[in-house]
Protein backbone atom coordinates (compact mmCIF):
# COMPACT_ATOMS: atom_id res chain seq x y z
CA UNK A 1 0.00 0.00 0.00
CA UNK A 2 1.23 3.47 -0.88
CA UNK A 3 -0.02 6.76 0.53
CA UNK A 4 0.71 10.01 -1.26
CA UNK A 5 0.38 13.20 0.77
CA UNK A 6 0.76 16.82 -0.25
CA UNK A 7 0.43 20.20 1.40
CA UNK A 8 -0.09 23.37 -0.62
CA UNK A 9 0.40 26.81 0.90
CA UNK A 10 -1.80 29.26 -0.95
CA UNK A 11 -1.87 33.04 -1.18
CA UNK A 12 -5.29 34.56 -1.81
CA UNK A 13 -4.69 38.26 -2.56
CA UNK A 14 -8.34 39.22 -3.06
CA UNK A 15 -9.44 37.88 0.35
CA UNK A 16 -9.84 40.71 2.84
CA UNK A 17 -11.87 38.75 5.36
CA UNK A 18 -12.10 35.19 6.60
CA UNK A 19 -15.44 34.88 4.82
CA UNK A 20 -13.84 35.73 1.45
CA UNK A 21 -10.93 33.39 2.14
CA UNK A 22 -13.20 30.49 3.10
CA UNK A 23 -15.20 31.00 -0.07
CA UNK A 24 -12.07 30.49 -2.17
CA UNK A 25 -10.87 27.55 -0.06
CA UNK A 26 -14.29 25.90 -0.32
CA UNK A 27 -14.24 26.22 -4.12
CA UNK A 28 -10.75 24.70 -4.33
CA UNK A 29 -11.63 21.83 -1.97
CA UNK A 30 -14.95 21.04 -3.66
CA UNK A 31 -13.52 21.14 -7.19
CA UNK A 32 -10.59 18.88 -6.26
CA UNK A 33 -12.90 16.40 -4.49
CA UNK A 34 -15.17 16.24 -7.54
CA UNK A 35 -12.32 15.60 -9.96
CA UNK A 36 -9.75 13.46 -8.09
CA UNK A 37 -9.90 10.42 -5.78
CA UNK A 38 -8.25 12.23 -2.86
CA UNK A 39 -9.04 13.31 0.66
CA UNK A 40 -8.65 17.06 1.04
CA UNK A 41 -9.00 19.58 3.88
CA UNK A 42 -7.76 22.97 5.02
CA UNK A 43 -5.13 22.05 7.61
CA UNK A 44 -3.36 25.26 8.71
CA UNK A 45 -3.38 29.06 8.51
CA UNK A 46 -7.05 28.98 9.52
CA UNK A 47 -7.16 32.50 10.96
CA UNK A 48 -5.15 34.30 8.28
CA UNK A 49 -7.14 36.22 5.66
CA UNK A 50 -4.88 35.78 2.65
CA UNK A 51 -3.15 32.48 3.41
CA UNK A 52 -4.47 28.93 3.35
CA UNK A 53 -2.81 25.56 3.78
CA UNK A 54 -4.61 22.65 2.15
CA UNK A 55 -3.66 19.00 2.65
CA UNK A 56 -4.30 16.18 0.20
CA UNK A 57 -3.96 12.40 0.56
CA UNK A 58 -4.39 9.51 -1.84
CA UNK A 59 -4.11 5.76 -1.22
CA UNK A 60 -2.81 3.69 -4.10
CA UNK A 61 -1.25 0.40 -5.02
CA UNK A 62 1.80 2.03 -6.59
CA UNK A 63 4.02 5.04 -5.97
CA UNK A 64 3.93 6.28 -9.59
CA UNK A 65 0.13 6.33 -9.58
CA UNK A 66 -0.03 8.22 -6.26
CA UNK A 67 2.53 10.72 -7.57
CA UNK A 68 0.56 11.22 -10.82
CA UNK A 69 -2.64 11.90 -8.88
CA UNK A 70 -0.91 14.49 -6.66
CA UNK A 71 0.72 16.10 -9.71
CA UNK A 72 -2.69 16.25 -11.36
CA UNK A 73 -4.14 17.96 -8.27
CA UNK A 74 -1.29 20.50 -8.30
CA UNK A 75 -1.81 21.31 -11.98
CA UNK A 76 -5.59 21.51 -11.51
CA UNK A 77 -5.32 23.95 -8.58
CA UNK A 78 -2.87 26.10 -10.55
CA UNK A 79 -5.19 26.12 -13.58
CA UNK A 80 -8.16 27.32 -11.51
CA UNK A 81 -6.45 30.69 -10.86
CA UNK A 82 -8.29 31.05 -7.53
CA UNK A 83 -5.10 31.36 -5.49
CA UNK A 84 -1.35 31.51 -5.97
CA UNK A 85 0.53 28.41 -4.83
CA UNK A 86 3.47 29.51 -2.67
CA UNK A 87 4.92 26.16 -1.62
CA UNK A 88 4.23 22.50 -2.23
CA UNK A 89 5.37 19.66 0.02
CA UNK A 90 4.82 16.14 -1.30
CA UNK A 91 5.72 12.76 0.11
CA UNK A 92 5.08 9.17 -0.87
CA UNK A 93 4.82 6.72 2.05
CA UNK A 94 5.17 2.94 1.62
CA UNK A 95 3.42 0.56 4.01
PDB file of N, CA and C in Angstrom:
ATOM      1  N   UNK A   1       0.848  -1.175   0.000  1.00  0.00           N
ATOM      2  CA  UNK A   1       0.000   0.000   0.000  1.00  0.00           C
ATOM      3  C   UNK A   1       0.892   1.235   0.000  1.00  0.00           C
ATOM      4  N   UNK A   2       0.496   2.209  -0.756  1.00  0.00           N
ATOM      5  CA  UNK A   2       1.233   3.466  -0.881  1.00  0.00           C
ATOM      6  C   UNK A   2       0.280   4.615  -0.566  1.00  0.00           C
ATOM      7  N   UNK A   3       0.767   5.565   0.224  1.00  0.00           N
ATOM      8  CA  UNK A   3      -0.020   6.758   0.533  1.00  0.00           C
ATOM      9  C   UNK A   3       0.756   7.974   0.038  1.00  0.00           C
ATOM     10  N   UNK A   4       0.119   8.763  -0.791  1.00  0.00           N
ATOM     11  CA  UNK A   4       0.711  10.013  -1.264  1.00  0.00           C
ATOM     12  C   UNK A   4       0.071  11.167  -0.511  1.00  0.00           C
ATOM     13  N   UNK A   5       0.896  12.038   0.046  1.00  0.00           N
ATOM     14  CA  UNK A   5       0.376  13.203   0.773  1.00  0.00           C
ATOM     15  C   UNK A   5       1.018  14.458   0.206  1.00  0.00           C
ATOM     16  N   UNK A   6       0.259  15.537   0.233  1.00  0.00           N
ATOM     17  CA  UNK A   6       0.761  16.823  -0.251  1.00  0.00           C
ATOM     18  C   UNK A   6       0.154  17.929   0.587  1.00  0.00           C
ATOM     19  N   UNK A   7       0.912  19.001   0.716  1.00  0.00           N
ATOM     20  CA  UNK A   7       0.426  20.201   1.403  1.00  0.00           C
ATOM     21  C   UNK A   7       0.763  21.392   0.527  1.00  0.00           C
ATOM     22  N   UNK A   8      -0.261  22.171   0.194  1.00  0.00           N
ATOM     23  CA  UNK A   8      -0.091  23.369  -0.623  1.00  0.00           C
ATOM     24  C   UNK A   8      -0.332  24.581   0.263  1.00  0.00           C
ATOM     25  N   UNK A   9       0.597  25.519   0.248  1.00  0.00           N
ATOM     26  CA  UNK A   9       0.404  26.808   0.904  1.00  0.00           C
ATOM     27  C   UNK A   9      -0.045  27.784  -0.172  1.00  0.00           C
ATOM     28  N   UNK A  10      -1.198  28.380   0.040  1.00  0.00           N
ATOM     29  CA  UNK A  10      -1.801  29.257  -0.954  1.00  0.00           C
ATOM     30  C   UNK A  10      -1.825  30.699  -0.478  1.00  0.00           C
ATOM     31  N   UNK A  11      -1.699  31.608  -1.427  1.00  0.00           N
ATOM     32  CA  UNK A  11      -1.865  33.042  -1.182  1.00  0.00           C
ATOM     33  C   UNK A  11      -3.108  33.478  -1.941  1.00  0.00           C
ATOM     34  N   UNK A  12      -4.030  34.129  -1.226  1.00  0.00           N
ATOM     35  CA  UNK A  12      -5.294  34.562  -1.809  1.00  0.00           C
ATOM     36  C   UNK A  12      -5.355  36.082  -1.704  1.00  0.00           C
ATOM     37  N   UNK A  13      -4.826  36.811  -2.685  1.00  0.00           N
ATOM     38  CA  UNK A  13      -4.694  38.262  -2.561  1.00  0.00           C
ATOM     39  C   UNK A  13      -6.017  39.016  -2.467  1.00  0.00           C
ATOM     40  N   UNK A  14      -7.081  38.491  -3.070  1.00  0.00           N
ATOM     41  CA  UNK A  14      -8.343  39.225  -3.061  1.00  0.00           C
ATOM     42  C   UNK A  14      -9.167  39.008  -1.792  1.00  0.00           C
ATOM     43  N   UNK A  15      -8.703  38.155  -0.889  1.00  0.00           N
ATOM     44  CA  UNK A  15      -9.438  37.880   0.350  1.00  0.00           C
ATOM     45  C   UNK A  15      -9.068  38.913   1.411  1.00  0.00           C
ATOM     46  N   UNK A  16     -10.055  39.691   1.808  1.00  0.00           N
ATOM     47  CA  UNK A  16      -9.835  40.707   2.836  1.00  0.00           C
ATOM     48  C   UNK A  16     -10.582  40.393   4.119  1.00  0.00           C
ATOM     49  N   UNK A  17     -11.194  39.225   4.156  1.00  0.00           N
ATOM     50  CA  UNK A  17     -11.869  38.752   5.361  1.00  0.00           C
ATOM     51  C   UNK A  17     -11.800  37.229   5.371  1.00  0.00           C
ATOM     52  N   UNK A  18     -12.080  36.649   6.525  1.00  0.00           N
ATOM     53  CA  UNK A  18     -12.097  35.187   6.604  1.00  0.00           C
ATOM     54  C   UNK A  18     -13.228  34.606   5.751  1.00  0.00           C
ATOM     55  N   UNK A  19     -14.322  35.338   5.643  1.00  0.00           N
ATOM     56  CA  UNK A  19     -15.438  34.878   4.818  1.00  0.00           C
ATOM     57  C   UNK A  19     -15.026  34.772   3.348  1.00  0.00           C
ATOM     58  N   UNK A  20     -14.318  35.770   2.837  1.00  0.00           N
ATOM     59  CA  UNK A  20     -13.843  35.732   1.451  1.00  0.00           C
ATOM     60  C   UNK A  20     -12.823  34.615   1.253  1.00  0.00           C
ATOM     61  N   UNK A  21     -11.937  34.447   2.223  1.00  0.00           N
ATOM     62  CA  UNK A  21     -10.929  33.387   2.137  1.00  0.00           C
ATOM     63  C   UNK A  21     -11.607  32.018   2.115  1.00  0.00           C
ATOM     64  N   UNK A  22     -12.538  31.799   3.016  1.00  0.00           N
ATOM     65  CA  UNK A  22     -13.197  30.493   3.102  1.00  0.00           C
ATOM     66  C   UNK A  22     -14.003  30.185   1.847  1.00  0.00           C
ATOM     67  N   UNK A  23     -14.501  31.205   1.195  1.00  0.00           N
ATOM     68  CA  UNK A  23     -15.202  30.998  -0.068  1.00  0.00           C
ATOM     69  C   UNK A  23     -14.257  30.428  -1.124  1.00  0.00           C
ATOM     70  N   UNK A  24     -13.066  30.979  -1.210  1.00  0.00           N
ATOM     71  CA  UNK A  24     -12.072  30.489  -2.167  1.00  0.00           C
ATOM     72  C   UNK A  24     -11.620  29.081  -1.789  1.00  0.00           C
ATOM     73  N   UNK A  25     -11.325  28.871  -0.511  1.00  0.00           N
ATOM     74  CA  UNK A  25     -10.873  27.552  -0.062  1.00  0.00           C
ATOM     75  C   UNK A  25     -11.956  26.507  -0.339  1.00  0.00           C
ATOM     76  N   UNK A  26     -13.192  26.829  -0.072  1.00  0.00           N
ATOM     77  CA  UNK A  26     -14.292  25.897  -0.315  1.00  0.00           C
ATOM     78  C   UNK A  26     -14.373  25.527  -1.791  1.00  0.00           C
ATOM     79  N   UNK A  27     -14.209  26.518  -2.678  1.00  0.00           N
ATOM     80  CA  UNK A  27     -14.243  26.224  -4.119  1.00  0.00           C
ATOM     81  C   UNK A  27     -13.098  25.298  -4.519  1.00  0.00           C
ATOM     82  N   UNK A  28     -11.898  25.557  -4.016  1.00  0.00           N
ATOM     83  CA  UNK A  28     -10.750  24.700  -4.333  1.00  0.00           C
ATOM     84  C   UNK A  28     -11.007  23.281  -3.840  1.00  0.00           C
ATOM     85  N   UNK A  29     -11.402  23.153  -2.577  1.00  0.00           N
ATOM     86  CA  UNK A  29     -11.626  21.833  -1.974  1.00  0.00           C
ATOM     87  C   UNK A  29     -12.721  21.079  -2.717  1.00  0.00           C
ATOM     88  N   UNK A  30     -13.839  21.716  -2.981  1.00  0.00           N
ATOM     89  CA  UNK A  30     -14.948  21.044  -3.663  1.00  0.00           C
ATOM     90  C   UNK A  30     -14.578  20.615  -5.072  1.00  0.00           C
ATOM     91  N   UNK A  31     -13.895  21.484  -5.809  1.00  0.00           N
ATOM     92  CA  UNK A  31     -13.519  21.144  -7.188  1.00  0.00           C
ATOM     93  C   UNK A  31     -12.516  19.987  -7.228  1.00  0.00           C
ATOM     94  N   UNK A  32     -11.559  19.980  -6.303  1.00  0.00           N
ATOM     95  CA  UNK A  32     -10.586  18.877  -6.260  1.00  0.00           C
ATOM     96  C   UNK A  32     -11.290  17.578  -5.894  1.00  0.00           C
ATOM     97  N   UNK A  33     -12.164  17.610  -4.890  1.00  0.00           N
ATOM     98  CA  UNK A  33     -12.900  16.398  -4.487  1.00  0.00           C
ATOM     99  C   UNK A  33     -13.728  15.832  -5.635  1.00  0.00           C
ATOM    100  N   UNK A  34     -14.328  16.704  -6.436  1.00  0.00           N
ATOM    101  CA  UNK A  34     -15.166  16.243  -7.544  1.00  0.00           C
ATOM    102  C   UNK A  34     -14.376  15.659  -8.698  1.00  0.00           C
ATOM    103  N   UNK A  35     -13.101  16.021  -8.801  1.00  0.00           N
ATOM    104  CA  UNK A  35     -12.316  15.600  -9.958  1.00  0.00           C
ATOM    105  C   UNK A  35     -11.305  14.484  -9.663  1.00  0.00           C
ATOM    106  N   UNK A  36     -10.813  14.408  -8.422  1.00  0.00           N
ATOM    107  CA  UNK A  36      -9.746  13.463  -8.090  1.00  0.00           C
ATOM    108  C   UNK A  36     -10.143  12.572  -6.918  1.00  0.00           C
ATOM    109  N   UNK A  37      -9.608  11.339  -6.887  1.00  0.00           N
ATOM    110  CA  UNK A  37      -9.904  10.419  -5.777  1.00  0.00           C
ATOM    111  C   UNK A  37      -8.979  10.686  -4.584  1.00  0.00           C
ATOM    112  N   UNK A  38      -9.118  11.846  -3.966  1.00  0.00           N
ATOM    113  CA  UNK A  38      -8.252  12.233  -2.856  1.00  0.00           C
ATOM    114  C   UNK A  38      -9.093  12.703  -1.673  1.00  0.00           C
ATOM    115  N   UNK A  39      -8.490  12.640  -0.507  1.00  0.00           N
ATOM    116  CA  UNK A  39      -9.038  13.310   0.664  1.00  0.00           C
ATOM    117  C   UNK A  39      -8.393  14.681   0.714  1.00  0.00           C
ATOM    118  N   UNK A  40      -9.165  15.687   1.071  1.00  0.00           N
ATOM    119  CA  UNK A  40      -8.645  17.060   1.045  1.00  0.00           C
ATOM    120  C   UNK A  40      -9.291  17.864   2.158  1.00  0.00           C
ATOM    121  N   UNK A  41      -8.483  18.720   2.801  1.00  0.00           N
ATOM    122  CA  UNK A  41      -8.996  19.583   3.876  1.00  0.00           C
ATOM    123  C   UNK A  41      -8.056  20.752   4.080  1.00  0.00           C
ATOM    124  N   UNK A  42      -8.605  21.855   4.594  1.00  0.00           N
ATOM    125  CA  UNK A  42      -7.764  22.973   5.023  1.00  0.00           C
ATOM    126  C   UNK A  42      -7.142  22.557   6.347  1.00  0.00           C
ATOM    127  N   UNK A  43      -5.810  22.619   6.448  1.00  0.00           N
ATOM    128  CA  UNK A  43      -5.130  22.051   7.610  1.00  0.00           C
ATOM    129  C   UNK A  43      -4.343  23.059   8.444  1.00  0.00           C
ATOM    130  N   UNK A  44      -4.145  24.275   7.963  1.00  0.00           N
ATOM    131  CA  UNK A  44      -3.361  25.255   8.714  1.00  0.00           C
ATOM    132  C   UNK A  44      -3.696  26.653   8.189  1.00  0.00           C
ATOM    133  N   UNK A  45      -3.163  27.657   8.876  1.00  0.00           N
ATOM    134  CA  UNK A  45      -3.385  29.062   8.515  1.00  0.00           C
ATOM    135  C   UNK A  45      -4.870  29.419   8.545  1.00  0.00           C
ATOM    136  N   UNK A  46      -5.594  28.833   9.478  1.00  0.00           N
ATOM    137  CA  UNK A  46      -7.047  28.982   9.519  1.00  0.00           C
ATOM    138  C   UNK A  46      -7.505  30.403   9.809  1.00  0.00           C
ATOM    139  N   UNK A  47      -6.734  31.163  10.566  1.00  0.00           N
ATOM    140  CA  UNK A  47      -7.163  32.499  10.965  1.00  0.00           C
ATOM    141  C   UNK A  47      -6.507  33.626  10.168  1.00  0.00           C
ATOM    142  N   UNK A  48      -5.784  33.287   9.119  1.00  0.00           N
ATOM    143  CA  UNK A  48      -5.147  34.298   8.283  1.00  0.00           C
ATOM    144  C   UNK A  48      -6.022  34.577   7.062  1.00  0.00           C
ATOM    145  N   UNK A  49      -6.229  35.839   6.745  1.00  0.00           N
ATOM    146  CA  UNK A  49      -7.145  36.216   5.662  1.00  0.00           C
ATOM    147  C   UNK A  49      -6.649  35.829   4.281  1.00  0.00           C
ATOM    148  N   UNK A  50      -5.379  35.979   4.009  1.00  0.00           N
ATOM    149  CA  UNK A  50      -4.881  35.783   2.652  1.00  0.00           C
ATOM    150  C   UNK A  50      -4.010  34.546   2.486  1.00  0.00           C
ATOM    151  N   UNK A  51      -3.950  33.706   3.499  1.00  0.00           N
ATOM    152  CA  UNK A  51      -3.148  32.481   3.411  1.00  0.00           C
ATOM    153  C   UNK A  51      -4.028  31.283   3.735  1.00  0.00           C
ATOM    154  N   UNK A  52      -3.771  30.183   3.072  1.00  0.00           N
ATOM    155  CA  UNK A  52      -4.466  28.928   3.349  1.00  0.00           C
ATOM    156  C   UNK A  52      -3.485  27.786   3.132  1.00  0.00           C
ATOM    157  N   UNK A  53      -3.596  26.770   3.947  1.00  0.00           N
ATOM    158  CA  UNK A  53      -2.805  25.562   3.775  1.00  0.00           C
ATOM    159  C   UNK A  53      -3.790  24.411   3.606  1.00  0.00           C
ATOM    160  N   UNK A  54      -3.689  23.737   2.474  1.00  0.00           N
ATOM    161  CA  UNK A  54      -4.610  22.647   2.153  1.00  0.00           C
ATOM    162  C   UNK A  54      -3.806  21.362   2.034  1.00  0.00           C
ATOM    163  N   UNK A  55      -4.309  20.312   2.684  1.00  0.00           N
ATOM    164  CA  UNK A  55      -3.664  19.003   2.648  1.00  0.00           C
ATOM    165  C   UNK A  55      -4.449  18.041   1.782  1.00  0.00           C
ATOM    166  N   UNK A  56      -3.715  17.170   1.095  1.00  0.00           N
ATOM    167  CA  UNK A  56      -4.302  16.177   0.200  1.00  0.00           C
ATOM    168  C   UNK A  56      -3.686  14.821   0.512  1.00  0.00           C
ATOM    169  N   UNK A  57      -4.477  13.756   0.374  1.00  0.00           N
ATOM    170  CA  UNK A  57      -3.957  12.401   0.562  1.00  0.00           C
ATOM    171  C   UNK A  57      -4.639  11.463  -0.421  1.00  0.00           C
ATOM    172  N   UNK A  58      -3.864  10.521  -0.928  1.00  0.00           N
ATOM    173  CA  UNK A  58      -4.392   9.510  -1.844  1.00  0.00           C
ATOM    174  C   UNK A  58      -3.770   8.163  -1.465  1.00  0.00           C
ATOM    175  N   UNK A  59      -4.577   7.117  -1.476  1.00  0.00           N
ATOM    176  CA  UNK A  59      -4.115   5.761  -1.222  1.00  0.00           C
ATOM    177  C   UNK A  59      -4.095   5.035  -2.556  1.00  0.00           C
ATOM    178  N   UNK A  60      -2.987   4.330  -2.802  1.00  0.00           N
ATOM    179  CA  UNK A  60      -2.813   3.689  -4.100  1.00  0.00           C
ATOM    180  C   UNK A  60      -2.050   2.382  -3.937  1.00  0.00           C
ATOM    181  N   UNK A  61      -2.024   1.630  -5.003  1.00  0.00           N
ATOM    182  CA  UNK A  61      -1.248   0.396  -5.022  1.00  0.00           C
ATOM    183  C   UNK A  61       0.175   0.603  -5.498  1.00  0.00           C
ATOM    184  N   UNK A  62       0.458   1.778  -6.084  1.00  0.00           N
ATOM    185  CA  UNK A  62       1.803   2.026  -6.590  1.00  0.00           C
ATOM    186  C   UNK A  62       2.200   3.485  -6.380  1.00  0.00           C
ATOM    187  N   UNK A  63       3.490   3.695  -6.179  1.00  0.00           N
ATOM    188  CA  UNK A  63       4.016   5.042  -5.974  1.00  0.00           C
ATOM    189  C   UNK A  63       3.849   5.927  -7.209  1.00  0.00           C
ATOM    190  N   UNK A  64       4.108   5.412  -8.411  1.00  0.00           N
ATOM    191  CA  UNK A  64       3.928   6.279  -9.589  1.00  0.00           C
ATOM    192  C   UNK A  64       2.486   6.768  -9.757  1.00  0.00           C
ATOM    193  N   UNK A  65       1.519   5.920  -9.460  1.00  0.00           N
ATOM    194  CA  UNK A  65       0.129   6.334  -9.576  1.00  0.00           C
ATOM    195  C   UNK A  65      -0.208   7.411  -8.547  1.00  0.00           C
ATOM    196  N   UNK A  66       0.218   7.222  -7.306  1.00  0.00           N
ATOM    197  CA  UNK A  66      -0.028   8.220  -6.260  1.00  0.00           C
ATOM    198  C   UNK A  66       0.615   9.551  -6.639  1.00  0.00           C
ATOM    199  N   UNK A  67       1.833   9.498  -7.169  1.00  0.00           N
ATOM    200  CA  UNK A  67       2.527  10.720  -7.571  1.00  0.00           C
ATOM    201  C   UNK A  67       1.809  11.415  -8.725  1.00  0.00           C
ATOM    202  N   UNK A  68       1.302  10.637  -9.694  1.00  0.00           N
ATOM    203  CA  UNK A  68       0.563  11.224 -10.824  1.00  0.00           C
ATOM    204  C   UNK A  68      -0.719  11.908 -10.351  1.00  0.00           C
ATOM    205  N   UNK A  69      -1.406  11.291  -9.395  1.00  0.00           N
ATOM    206  CA  UNK A  69      -2.639  11.904  -8.882  1.00  0.00           C
ATOM    207  C   UNK A  69      -2.311  13.229  -8.204  1.00  0.00           C
ATOM    208  N   UNK A  70      -1.280  13.257  -7.352  1.00  0.00           N
ATOM    209  CA  UNK A  70      -0.910  14.494  -6.661  1.00  0.00           C
ATOM    210  C   UNK A  70      -0.426  15.558  -7.644  1.00  0.00           C
ATOM    211  N   UNK A  71       0.294  15.152  -8.673  1.00  0.00           N
ATOM    212  CA  UNK A  71       0.725  16.101  -9.707  1.00  0.00           C
ATOM    213  C   UNK A  71      -0.485  16.650 -10.455  1.00  0.00           C
ATOM    214  N   UNK A  72      -1.465  15.796 -10.708  1.00  0.00           N
ATOM    215  CA  UNK A  72      -2.686  16.254 -11.356  1.00  0.00           C
ATOM    216  C   UNK A  72      -3.444  17.260 -10.505  1.00  0.00           C
ATOM    217  N   UNK A  73      -3.488  17.020  -9.189  1.00  0.00           N
ATOM    218  CA  UNK A  73      -4.135  17.957  -8.272  1.00  0.00           C
ATOM    219  C   UNK A  73      -3.408  19.297  -8.308  1.00  0.00           C
ATOM    220  N   UNK A  74      -2.085  19.265  -8.255  1.00  0.00           N
ATOM    221  CA  UNK A  74      -1.295  20.497  -8.297  1.00  0.00           C
ATOM    222  C   UNK A  74      -1.588  21.290  -9.568  1.00  0.00           C
ATOM    223  N   UNK A  75      -1.553  20.631 -10.698  1.00  0.00           N
ATOM    224  CA  UNK A  75      -1.811  21.310 -11.975  1.00  0.00           C
ATOM    225  C   UNK A  75      -3.232  21.859 -12.027  1.00  0.00           C
ATOM    226  N   UNK A  76      -4.191  21.083 -11.517  1.00  0.00           N
ATOM    227  CA  UNK A  76      -5.586  21.510 -11.515  1.00  0.00           C
ATOM    228  C   UNK A  76      -5.778  22.759 -10.658  1.00  0.00           C
ATOM    229  N   UNK A  77      -5.187  22.782  -9.464  1.00  0.00           N
ATOM    230  CA  UNK A  77      -5.321  23.947  -8.585  1.00  0.00           C
ATOM    231  C   UNK A  77      -4.673  25.170  -9.228  1.00  0.00           C
ATOM    232  N   UNK A  78      -3.515  24.984  -9.851  1.00  0.00           N
ATOM    233  CA  UNK A  78      -2.875  26.100 -10.548  1.00  0.00           C
ATOM    234  C   UNK A  78      -3.759  26.625 -11.674  1.00  0.00           C
ATOM    235  N   UNK A  79      -4.368  25.731 -12.427  1.00  0.00           N
ATOM    236  CA  UNK A  79      -5.186  26.120 -13.582  1.00  0.00           C
ATOM    237  C   UNK A  79      -6.482  26.825 -13.190  1.00  0.00           C
ATOM    238  N   UNK A  80      -6.926  26.672 -11.962  1.00  0.00           N
ATOM    239  CA  UNK A  80      -8.160  27.317 -11.511  1.00  0.00           C
ATOM    240  C   UNK A  80      -7.975  28.821 -11.309  1.00  0.00           C
ATOM    241  N   UNK A  81      -6.765  29.277 -11.056  1.00  0.00           N
ATOM    242  CA  UNK A  81      -6.451  30.689 -10.861  1.00  0.00           C
ATOM    243  C   UNK A  81      -7.265  31.320  -9.726  1.00  0.00           C
ATOM    244  N   UNK A  82      -7.579  30.531  -8.696  1.00  0.00           N
ATOM    245  CA  UNK A  82      -8.292  31.049  -7.532  1.00  0.00           C
ATOM    246  C   UNK A  82      -7.331  31.559  -6.470  1.00  0.00           C
ATOM    247  N   UNK A  83      -6.115  30.994  -6.470  1.00  0.00           N
ATOM    248  CA  UNK A  83      -5.100  31.364  -5.491  1.00  0.00           C
ATOM    249  C   UNK A  83      -3.726  31.067  -6.084  1.00  0.00           C
ATOM    250  N   UNK A  84      -2.737  31.738  -5.546  1.00  0.00           N
ATOM    251  CA  UNK A  84      -1.353  31.514  -5.971  1.00  0.00           C
ATOM    252  C   UNK A  84      -0.743  30.463  -5.053  1.00  0.00           C
ATOM    253  N   UNK A  85      -0.123  29.444  -5.628  1.00  0.00           N
ATOM    254  CA  UNK A  85       0.534  28.412  -4.828  1.00  0.00           C
ATOM    255  C   UNK A  85       1.928  28.916  -4.459  1.00  0.00           C
ATOM    256  N   UNK A  86       2.168  29.037  -3.155  1.00  0.00           N
ATOM    257  CA  UNK A  86       3.467  29.512  -2.667  1.00  0.00           C
ATOM    258  C   UNK A  86       4.462  28.370  -2.499  1.00  0.00           C
ATOM    259  N   UNK A  87       4.043  27.323  -1.829  1.00  0.00           N
ATOM    260  CA  UNK A  87       4.923  26.163  -1.620  1.00  0.00           C
ATOM    261  C   UNK A  87       4.114  24.878  -1.752  1.00  0.00           C
ATOM    262  N   UNK A  88       4.827  23.823  -2.116  1.00  0.00           N
ATOM    263  CA  UNK A  88       4.229  22.496  -2.226  1.00  0.00           C
ATOM    264  C   UNK A  88       5.167  21.515  -1.535  1.00  0.00           C
ATOM    265  N   UNK A  89       4.628  20.752  -0.614  1.00  0.00           N
ATOM    266  CA  UNK A  89       5.371  19.663   0.023  1.00  0.00           C
ATOM    267  C   UNK A  89       4.657  18.370  -0.336  1.00  0.00           C
ATOM    268  N   UNK A  90       5.406  17.430  -0.914  1.00  0.00           N
ATOM    269  CA  UNK A  90       4.822  16.136  -1.299  1.00  0.00           C
ATOM    270  C   UNK A  90       5.683  15.021  -0.739  1.00  0.00           C
ATOM    271  N   UNK A  91       5.002  13.933  -0.388  1.00  0.00           N
ATOM    272  CA  UNK A  91       5.718  12.764   0.108  1.00  0.00           C
ATOM    273  C   UNK A  91       4.940  11.509  -0.256  1.00  0.00           C
ATOM    274  N   UNK A  92       5.666  10.471  -0.588  1.00  0.00           N
ATOM    275  CA  UNK A  92       5.077   9.166  -0.874  1.00  0.00           C
ATOM    276  C   UNK A  92       5.521   8.229   0.248  1.00  0.00           C
ATOM    277  N   UNK A  93       4.548   7.614   0.929  1.00  0.00           N
ATOM    278  CA  UNK A  93       4.824   6.723   2.045  1.00  0.00           C
ATOM    279  C   UNK A  93       4.483   5.296   1.650  1.00  0.00           C
ATOM    280  N   UNK A  94       5.379   4.353   1.935  1.00  0.00           N
ATOM    281  CA  UNK A  94       5.171   2.945   1.617  1.00  0.00           C
ATOM    282  C   UNK A  94       4.862   2.174   2.901  1.00  0.00           C
ATOM    283  N   UNK A  95       3.779   1.395   2.867  1.00  0.00           N
ATOM    284  CA  UNK A  95       3.415   0.557   4.011  1.00  0.00           C
ATOM    285  C   UNK A  95       3.347  -0.888   3.593  1.00  0.00           C
TER     286      UNK A  95
END
